[in-house]
Amino acid sequence: FVPIESYGVIGDGKSVALIAGDGAIDWWAAPAIDSVPVFAAMLDPADGGCFTLEPTVPHEVSRRYRPGTNVLETTFTTGDGAVRVVDSMNQGPSGPLPWAELARDIQCVSGRVPLRWQVSAGTMFHQGRPWSRFRDVPLLHAGDLLIGLLAEGAGQPEPGLGSFRGEFTARPGHDALLALVAAENAPVVLPSAADVRRRRDASVAASEEWSTAVPFRGRDRELVLRSALALKLLTYAPTGAMAAAATTSLPEQLGADRNYDYRYGWIRDTSFVLDALIQLGLPHEVQGTLAWMLSCVARTAPVIHPFYGLRRHVPEDETELRLRGYRDSVPARHGNRAVDQPQWGSYGDLLECVWLAVDRAGAHLDAASSDLLATLGGHVCDIWTEPDCGI
């Protein structure tokens, strides 16, 4: 286990991956943030699955995000050379791809650096046993996911039980690429290394353009922009939903049992985010997230659930998982039974979101949203004295 705060995060507008300081991808839920993760070593090192990449000799590590992006650069420096790993999750010309594409571009900076890597699919919360096959290309089967492995200049992939591994030596002028292409209940077409790099470069350019266009020019702009990029990582682009977290079951206190699944959109949290997005001057994001929230509530009105699923659904009940848990903090959970809790504060949070959008962002309410708010206000008059589970 590594400290939670040491993880770097990359994403594509649908899913995210967490990368430890040693170069291991210990979390990746694909194709969506709330999917069952194919890599979950941060919760179960033995069976969770991960994607390791590291020098075979002693080394030092430095990391940074490329300015204005969520692309992570990790530099391994050894006694004989240095190598840079550029980790990205790539998008298409208009947003997320029909598949999930995780790329690790290995660029030798100087000298020669021997490297080893291993892709080990996890048991998907013990829902099945992953397996691998190597015919024309290396393929991993993990639950409903089919994952193709592209290994360009990174040694010959050697199959294992639900895994592939390899070794090679990075040297100047010979960049290597490891990429995973994942689809759920669908076929996979493995791209070329040139296609992957082209999409990575286009994704970088789009992110840089977005960051440059953020109108906030106040104090500590770079820090504020980095926070905005973190919020963008948690936005589920197909609907505009804002996930409260990218993972499940990381403990509020080590060794205790308050280890919950927060990969949903909370009405309360979303009100905080909308306030920030409005202050930053991001009307596109404000529109998307506000529309998602109102559409969710409209489906269950006059009841407001504390949170909703990223695809506007009411999540199912939680399940306790047979996992070791982060630093032995159990139980790990999939789902969150608080979805049915009465939390009257959610009504105020929703009204605050709309007020902020109208008063500060210049939003104009449609008739259906206005009627919805009136209905909710009447309902609050009937229930506000009843006990609830809110803060």
Protein backbone atom coordinates (compact mmCIF):
# COMPACT_ATOMS: atom_id res chain seq x y z
CA PHE A 1 0.00 0.00 0.00
CA VAL A 2 1.19 3.52 -0.76
CA PRO A 3 -0.10 6.78 0.75
CA ILE A 4 -3.38 7.85 -0.86
CA GLU A 5 -2.03 11.35 -1.48
CA SER A 6 0.84 9.95 -3.56
CA TYR A 7 -1.42 8.89 -6.42
CA GLY A 8 -1.53 10.76 -9.70
CA VAL A 9 -4.79 10.67 -11.63
CA ILE A 10 -5.55 10.55 -15.35
CA GLY A 11 -8.92 10.33 -17.11
CA ASP A 12 -10.84 10.58 -20.37
CA GLY A 13 -14.19 12.09 -19.38
CA LYS A 14 -15.73 8.71 -18.55
CA SER A 15 -13.25 6.82 -16.38
CA VAL A 16 -10.11 7.50 -14.38
CA ALA A 17 -6.93 5.64 -13.43
CA LEU A 18 -4.76 6.16 -10.33
CA ILE A 19 -0.99 5.84 -10.67
CA ALA A 20 1.33 5.37 -7.70
CA GLY A 21 4.75 6.97 -7.37
CA ASP A 22 6.42 3.68 -8.30
CA GLY A 23 4.68 3.69 -11.68
CA ALA A 24 1.99 1.11 -10.81
CA ILE A 25 -1.58 1.75 -11.95
CA ASP A 26 -3.42 0.47 -8.89
CA TRP A 27 -6.94 1.55 -9.88
CA TRP A 28 -8.82 1.65 -13.16
CA ALA A 29 -12.58 1.29 -13.43
CA ALA A 30 -13.57 1.03 -17.09
CA PRO A 31 -15.52 1.99 -19.08
CA ALA A 32 -16.98 4.36 -16.45
CA ILE A 33 -15.99 5.80 -13.08
CA ASP A 34 -18.61 3.66 -11.32
CA SER A 35 -17.75 0.42 -13.17
CA VAL A 36 -16.25 -2.57 -11.41
CA PRO A 37 -12.47 -1.93 -11.57
CA VAL A 38 -10.16 -4.09 -13.64
CA PHE A 39 -7.25 -2.77 -11.52
CA ALA A 40 -7.95 -2.48 -7.79
CA ALA A 41 -4.64 -3.28 -6.08
CA MET A 42 -5.11 -0.28 -3.79
CA LEU A 43 -7.90 -2.26 -2.11
CA ASP A 44 -6.53 -5.79 -2.56
CA PRO A 45 -2.86 -6.18 -3.59
CA ALA A 46 -3.18 -9.94 -4.07
CA ASP A 47 -6.26 -10.18 -6.30
CA GLY A 48 -7.14 -6.59 -7.23
CA GLY A 49 -4.97 -6.36 -10.34
CA CYS A 50 -2.55 -3.64 -11.47
CA PHE A 51 -0.33 -2.43 -14.30
CA THR A 52 3.29 -2.09 -13.21
CA LEU A 53 6.10 -0.36 -15.10
CA GLU A 54 9.49 0.30 -13.51
CA PRO A 55 13.26 0.07 -13.99
CA THR A 56 14.90 -3.19 -12.97
CA VAL A 57 17.76 -1.30 -11.27
CA PRO A 58 17.81 1.21 -8.39
CA HIS A 59 16.27 4.53 -9.39
CA GLU A 60 14.80 7.83 -8.28
CA VAL A 61 11.38 9.14 -9.30
CA SER A 62 10.04 12.60 -10.11
CA ARG A 63 6.58 13.44 -11.44
CA ARG A 64 4.53 16.30 -12.82
CA TYR A 65 1.37 16.97 -14.74
CA ARG A 66 1.86 18.55 -18.12
CA PRO A 67 0.73 22.16 -17.63
CA GLY A 68 -2.92 22.67 -18.41
CA THR A 69 -3.64 18.93 -18.70
CA ASN A 70 -4.35 15.77 -16.74
CA VAL A 71 -1.52 13.93 -18.51
CA LEU A 72 1.01 12.62 -15.99
CA GLU A 73 4.77 12.46 -16.62
CA THR A 74 6.93 10.20 -14.45
CA THR A 75 10.72 10.33 -14.83
CA PHE A 76 12.81 7.39 -13.60
CA THR A 77 16.49 8.26 -13.14
CA THR A 78 19.08 5.51 -12.72
CA GLY A 79 22.86 5.56 -12.53
CA ASP A 80 23.10 4.96 -16.28
CA GLY A 81 20.27 7.04 -17.70
CA ALA A 82 16.76 8.44 -17.41
CA VAL A 83 13.42 7.52 -18.93
CA ARG A 84 10.14 9.46 -19.03
CA VAL A 85 6.76 7.72 -18.91
CA VAL A 86 3.84 9.78 -20.25
CA ASP A 87 0.55 8.38 -18.93
CA SER A 88 -2.71 9.43 -20.54
CA MET A 89 -6.27 8.36 -21.18
CA ASN A 90 -7.08 9.48 -24.68
CA GLN A 91 -10.17 11.07 -26.17
CA GLY A 92 -11.52 11.39 -29.70
CA PRO A 93 -12.13 14.60 -31.67
CA SER A 94 -15.43 15.34 -29.88
CA GLY A 95 -14.92 13.76 -26.47
CA PRO A 96 -14.64 10.26 -25.00
CA LEU A 97 -13.99 7.38 -27.38
CA PRO A 98 -16.41 4.44 -27.80
CA TRP A 99 -13.74 2.42 -25.99
CA ALA A 100 -11.38 3.24 -23.11
CA GLU A 101 -7.76 3.87 -24.16
CA LEU A 102 -5.01 3.99 -21.54
CA ALA A 103 -1.56 4.80 -22.94
CA ARG A 104 1.92 4.68 -21.42
CA ASP A 105 4.47 6.29 -23.75
CA ILE A 106 8.04 5.46 -22.70
CA GLN A 107 10.62 8.01 -23.87
CA CYS A 108 14.33 7.60 -23.13
CA VAL A 109 15.84 10.90 -21.97
CA SER A 110 19.44 9.74 -21.72
CA GLY A 111 21.60 6.63 -21.49
CA ARG A 112 20.03 3.20 -21.26
CA VAL A 113 17.41 2.09 -18.74
CA PRO A 114 16.29 -1.56 -18.37
CA LEU A 115 12.55 -1.76 -17.68
CA ARG A 116 9.99 -4.40 -16.82
CA TRP A 117 6.22 -4.27 -16.97
CA GLN A 118 3.24 -6.45 -16.15
CA VAL A 119 -0.47 -6.09 -16.83
CA SER A 120 -2.47 -8.21 -14.38
CA ALA A 121 -6.26 -8.02 -14.55
CA GLY A 122 -8.02 -8.32 -11.20
CA THR A 123 -10.94 -10.49 -10.20
CA MET A 124 -13.40 -7.59 -10.66
CA PHE A 125 -14.44 -7.63 -7.00
CA HIS A 126 -14.30 -11.46 -7.10
CA GLN A 127 -16.97 -11.64 -9.79
CA GLY A 128 -14.79 -13.81 -11.99
CA ARG A 129 -11.33 -15.02 -12.81
CA PRO A 130 -9.54 -13.11 -15.61
CA TRP A 131 -7.82 -15.00 -18.40
CA SER A 132 -5.53 -14.16 -21.28
CA ARG A 133 -5.03 -15.35 -24.84
CA PHE A 134 -2.44 -14.51 -27.47
CA ARG A 135 -3.34 -15.22 -31.07
CA ASP A 136 -2.79 -12.31 -33.39
CA VAL A 137 -2.67 -9.83 -30.49
CA PRO A 138 -2.55 -10.09 -26.68
CA LEU A 139 -6.06 -10.06 -25.21
CA LEU A 140 -7.32 -10.05 -21.61
CA HIS A 141 -10.80 -11.13 -20.57
CA ALA A 142 -11.97 -9.66 -17.26
CA GLY A 143 -15.67 -9.97 -16.52
CA ASP A 144 -17.54 -8.23 -19.35
CA LEU A 145 -14.41 -6.34 -20.40
CA LEU A 146 -12.30 -7.31 -23.39
CA ILE A 147 -8.90 -5.59 -23.23
CA GLY A 148 -6.42 -5.48 -26.06
CA LEU A 149 -2.74 -4.85 -25.29
CA LEU A 150 -0.52 -2.88 -27.65
CA ALA A 151 3.20 -3.31 -26.91
CA GLU A 152 5.30 -1.35 -29.39
CA GLY A 153 9.04 -1.57 -28.76
CA ALA A 154 8.44 -2.80 -25.21
CA GLY A 155 9.61 -6.39 -25.54
CA GLN A 156 7.65 -9.49 -26.46
CA PRO A 157 4.54 -9.89 -24.25
CA GLU A 158 4.60 -13.14 -22.32
CA PRO A 159 1.15 -14.43 -21.31
CA GLY A 160 0.30 -15.59 -17.82
CA LEU A 161 -2.91 -16.45 -15.98
CA GLY A 162 -4.92 -13.32 -16.67
CA SER A 163 -1.77 -11.29 -17.32
CA PHE A 164 0.99 -10.29 -19.70
CA ARG A 165 4.51 -9.19 -18.87
CA GLY A 166 7.67 -8.12 -20.63
CA GLU A 167 11.13 -6.56 -20.34
CA PHE A 168 13.12 -4.25 -22.58
CA THR A 169 15.84 -1.60 -22.48
CA ALA A 170 14.90 1.99 -23.27
CA ARG A 171 17.47 3.85 -25.33
CA PRO A 172 17.54 7.26 -27.07
CA GLY A 173 15.66 7.47 -30.35
CA HIS A 174 13.62 4.33 -29.70
CA ASP A 175 10.40 5.30 -27.88
CA ALA A 176 8.22 2.45 -26.65
CA LEU A 177 4.47 2.32 -26.09
CA LEU A 178 2.22 0.23 -23.89
CA ALA A 179 -1.50 0.81 -24.39
CA LEU A 180 -4.69 -0.87 -23.22
CA VAL A 181 -7.89 -0.64 -25.26
CA ALA A 182 -10.95 -1.83 -23.34
CA ALA A 183 -14.58 -2.35 -24.40
CA GLU A 184 -17.51 -3.74 -22.43
CA ASN A 185 -19.59 -6.43 -24.11
CA ALA A 186 -18.16 -5.32 -27.45
CA PRO A 187 -15.33 -6.24 -29.82
CA VAL A 188 -11.97 -4.50 -29.65
CA VAL A 189 -10.03 -3.13 -32.61
CA LEU A 190 -6.40 -2.63 -31.60
CA PRO A 191 -5.04 0.68 -32.95
CA SER A 192 -1.54 1.39 -34.17
CA ALA A 193 1.00 3.13 -31.95
CA ALA A 194 0.84 6.14 -34.27
CA ASP A 195 -2.94 6.37 -33.81
CA VAL A 196 -2.62 6.20 -30.02
CA ARG A 197 0.04 8.91 -29.94
CA ARG A 198 -1.97 11.07 -32.34
CA ARG A 199 -5.02 10.85 -30.08
CA ARG A 200 -2.87 11.58 -27.04
CA ASP A 201 -1.43 14.69 -28.67
CA ALA A 202 -4.90 15.84 -29.74
CA SER A 203 -6.23 15.27 -26.20
CA VAL A 204 -3.33 17.29 -24.78
CA ALA A 205 -3.97 20.12 -27.21
CA ALA A 206 -7.70 20.18 -26.38
CA SER A 207 -6.98 20.26 -22.64
CA GLU A 208 -4.42 23.03 -23.04
CA GLU A 209 -6.92 25.04 -25.08
CA TRP A 210 -9.60 24.52 -22.39
CA SER A 211 -7.20 25.58 -19.64
CA THR A 212 -6.09 28.68 -21.53
CA ALA A 213 -9.74 29.68 -22.01
CA VAL A 214 -10.59 29.48 -18.28
CA PRO A 215 -11.31 33.18 -17.64
CA PHE A 216 -10.17 33.22 -14.01
CA ARG A 217 -7.10 35.43 -13.71
CA GLY A 218 -7.00 35.94 -9.97
CA ARG A 219 -4.45 35.01 -7.32
CA ASP A 220 -2.70 31.62 -7.60
CA ARG A 221 -4.18 30.92 -11.00
CA GLU A 222 -2.07 27.80 -11.59
CA LEU A 223 -3.26 26.21 -8.35
CA VAL A 224 -6.87 27.15 -9.07
CA LEU A 225 -6.53 25.74 -12.59
CA ARG A 226 -5.12 22.48 -11.27
CA SER A 227 -8.16 22.17 -8.99
CA ALA A 228 -10.46 22.87 -11.95
CA LEU A 229 -8.71 20.11 -13.90
CA ALA A 230 -9.29 17.75 -10.98
CA LEU A 231 -13.02 18.58 -11.07
CA LYS A 232 -12.98 17.96 -14.81
CA LEU A 233 -11.55 14.49 -14.18
CA LEU A 234 -14.55 13.68 -11.99
CA THR A 235 -17.10 14.88 -14.55
CA TYR A 236 -18.85 12.08 -16.43
CA ALA A 237 -18.94 13.76 -19.83
CA PRO A 238 -21.86 11.82 -21.41
CA THR A 239 -24.33 13.28 -18.87
CA GLY A 240 -22.52 16.11 -17.03
CA ALA A 241 -22.67 14.25 -13.70
CA MET A 242 -20.04 15.15 -11.10
CA ALA A 243 -18.77 12.14 -9.15
CA ALA A 244 -17.88 12.84 -5.53
CA ALA A 245 -14.83 10.55 -5.82
CA ALA A 246 -13.07 8.33 -8.33
CA THR A 247 -12.80 5.30 -6.04
CA THR A 248 -14.66 3.27 -3.47
CA SER A 249 -13.81 2.15 0.05
CA LEU A 250 -10.87 4.43 0.87
CA PRO A 251 -11.26 4.81 4.64
CA GLU A 252 -12.23 7.92 6.55
CA GLN A 253 -10.04 6.47 9.32
CA LEU A 254 -7.49 3.69 8.90
CA GLY A 255 -8.70 0.41 10.35
CA ALA A 256 -12.27 1.62 10.85
CA ASP A 257 -15.40 0.63 8.92
CA ARG A 258 -16.45 3.97 7.38
CA ASN A 259 -15.24 2.96 3.93
CA TYR A 260 -17.90 3.99 1.45
CA ASP A 261 -18.48 4.07 -2.28
CA TYR A 262 -18.62 7.71 -3.38
CA ARG A 263 -18.63 7.24 -7.16
CA TYR A 264 -21.97 8.99 -7.50
CA GLY A 265 -23.27 12.53 -7.84
CA TRP A 266 -24.30 14.02 -4.49
CA ILE A 267 -26.77 16.90 -4.60
CA ARG A 268 -24.87 18.60 -1.75
CA ASP A 269 -21.42 18.16 -3.27
CA THR A 270 -22.68 19.24 -6.66
CA SER A 271 -23.90 22.52 -5.18
CA PHE A 272 -20.35 23.24 -3.98
CA VAL A 273 -18.93 22.36 -7.40
CA LEU A 274 -21.42 24.53 -9.28
CA ASP A 275 -20.51 27.45 -7.06
CA ALA A 276 -16.84 26.95 -8.00
CA LEU A 277 -17.59 26.52 -11.71
CA ILE A 278 -19.65 29.71 -11.74
CA GLN A 279 -16.87 31.66 -10.02
CA LEU A 280 -14.40 30.30 -12.58
CA GLY A 281 -16.64 31.43 -15.43
CA LEU A 282 -17.29 28.01 -17.02
CA PRO A 283 -20.86 28.15 -18.42
CA HIS A 284 -20.51 24.95 -20.45
CA GLU A 285 -19.75 22.90 -17.36
CA VAL A 286 -22.41 24.73 -15.30
CA GLN A 287 -25.07 23.96 -17.93
CA GLY A 288 -24.14 20.27 -18.16
CA THR A 289 -24.00 19.58 -14.43
CA LEU A 290 -27.13 21.58 -13.58
CA ALA A 291 -29.11 19.87 -16.35
CA TRP A 292 -27.96 16.45 -15.08
CA MET A 293 -29.08 17.26 -11.53
CA LEU A 294 -32.51 18.61 -12.51
CA SER A 295 -33.16 15.65 -14.80
CA CYS A 296 -32.29 13.20 -12.00
CA VAL A 297 -34.57 14.91 -9.49
CA ALA A 298 -37.41 15.19 -12.03
CA ARG A 299 -37.49 11.38 -12.27
CA THR A 300 -38.06 10.90 -8.53
CA ALA A 301 -39.85 14.13 -7.50
CA PRO A 302 -41.10 15.09 -5.02
CA VAL A 303 -38.55 12.73 -3.41
CA ILE A 304 -34.92 13.84 -3.70
CA HIS A 305 -32.33 11.15 -3.09
CA PRO A 306 -29.06 12.29 -1.48
CA PHE A 307 -27.23 11.20 -4.65
CA TYR A 308 -27.85 9.75 -8.08
CA GLY A 309 -25.94 7.58 -10.53
CA LEU A 310 -23.83 9.07 -13.26
CA ARG A 311 -26.36 7.95 -15.88
CA ARG A 312 -29.26 9.64 -14.04
CA HIS A 313 -30.34 6.41 -12.35
CA VAL A 314 -31.07 5.65 -8.70
CA PRO A 315 -28.20 3.34 -7.64
CA GLU A 316 -28.85 -0.08 -6.21
CA ASP A 317 -28.10 -1.04 -2.61
CA GLU A 318 -24.55 -1.60 -1.42
CA THR A 319 -22.62 -4.87 -1.26
CA GLU A 320 -19.80 -5.66 1.16
CA LEU A 321 -16.84 -7.05 -0.76
CA ARG A 322 -14.46 -9.86 0.14
CA LEU A 323 -11.41 -7.65 -0.22
CA ARG A 324 -8.50 -6.93 2.08
CA GLY A 325 -9.30 -3.22 2.05
CA TYR A 326 -6.90 -0.28 1.96
CA ARG A 327 -4.39 -0.96 4.74
CA ASP A 328 -6.79 -3.58 6.12
CA SER A 329 -9.70 -1.17 6.52
CA VAL A 330 -12.80 -3.34 6.10
CA PRO A 331 -15.38 -3.76 4.83
CA ALA A 332 -14.82 -2.57 1.28
CA ARG A 333 -18.09 -1.69 -0.41
CA HIS A 334 -19.66 -1.50 -3.87
CA GLY A 335 -22.72 0.74 -3.85
CA ASN A 336 -23.99 2.93 -1.04
CA ARG A 337 -27.15 2.21 0.94
CA ALA A 338 -27.45 5.88 1.92
CA VAL A 339 -29.22 6.40 -1.41
CA ASP A 340 -32.59 5.91 0.31
CA GLN A 341 -31.86 8.03 3.36
CA PRO A 342 -34.14 11.05 3.90
CA GLN A 343 -31.82 14.05 3.87
CA TRP A 344 -33.91 17.22 3.82
CA GLY A 345 -30.84 19.38 3.27
CA SER A 346 -30.74 18.13 -0.34
CA TYR A 347 -33.78 20.29 -1.12
CA GLY A 348 -31.92 23.40 0.00
CA ASP A 349 -28.79 22.32 -1.84
CA LEU A 350 -30.76 21.94 -5.07
CA LEU A 351 -32.44 25.32 -4.67
CA GLU A 352 -29.07 26.92 -3.96
CA CYS A 353 -27.62 25.41 -7.14
CA VAL A 354 -30.43 26.87 -9.23
CA TRP A 355 -30.24 30.24 -7.49
CA LEU A 356 -26.50 30.46 -8.10
CA ALA A 357 -26.97 29.58 -11.76
CA VAL A 358 -29.72 32.17 -12.23
CA ASP A 359 -28.27 34.95 -10.09
CA ARG A 360 -24.58 34.63 -10.97
CA ALA A 361 -24.35 32.72 -14.24
CA GLY A 362 -27.31 34.30 -16.04
CA ALA A 363 -29.26 31.04 -16.40
CA HIS A 364 -32.94 31.16 -17.43
CA LEU A 365 -35.26 28.43 -16.19
CA ASP A 366 -37.44 26.46 -18.54
CA ALA A 367 -41.08 25.89 -17.63
CA ALA A 368 -40.57 22.26 -16.57
CA SER A 369 -37.74 23.16 -14.18
CA SER A 370 -39.78 26.01 -12.68
CA ASP A 371 -42.74 23.69 -12.10
CA LEU A 372 -40.41 21.08 -10.60
CA LEU A 373 -38.99 23.57 -8.09
CA ALA A 374 -42.49 24.72 -7.10
CA THR A 375 -43.51 21.10 -6.50
CA LEU A 376 -40.42 20.48 -4.38
CA GLY A 377 -41.08 23.63 -2.36
CA GLY A 378 -44.59 22.47 -1.57
CA HIS A 379 -43.26 19.07 -0.54
CA VAL A 380 -40.74 20.65 1.83
CA CYS A 381 -43.61 22.45 3.58
CA ASP A 382 -45.08 19.02 4.36
CA ILE A 383 -41.94 17.19 5.52
CA TRP A 384 -39.56 19.70 7.05
CA THR A 385 -40.50 18.87 10.68
CA GLU A 386 -39.96 15.12 10.21
CA PRO A 387 -36.67 13.55 11.38
CA ASP A 388 -34.02 12.86 8.77
CA CYS A 389 -30.47 11.57 8.34
CA GLY A 390 -28.89 14.77 7.08
CA ILE A 391 -25.88 16.59 8.45
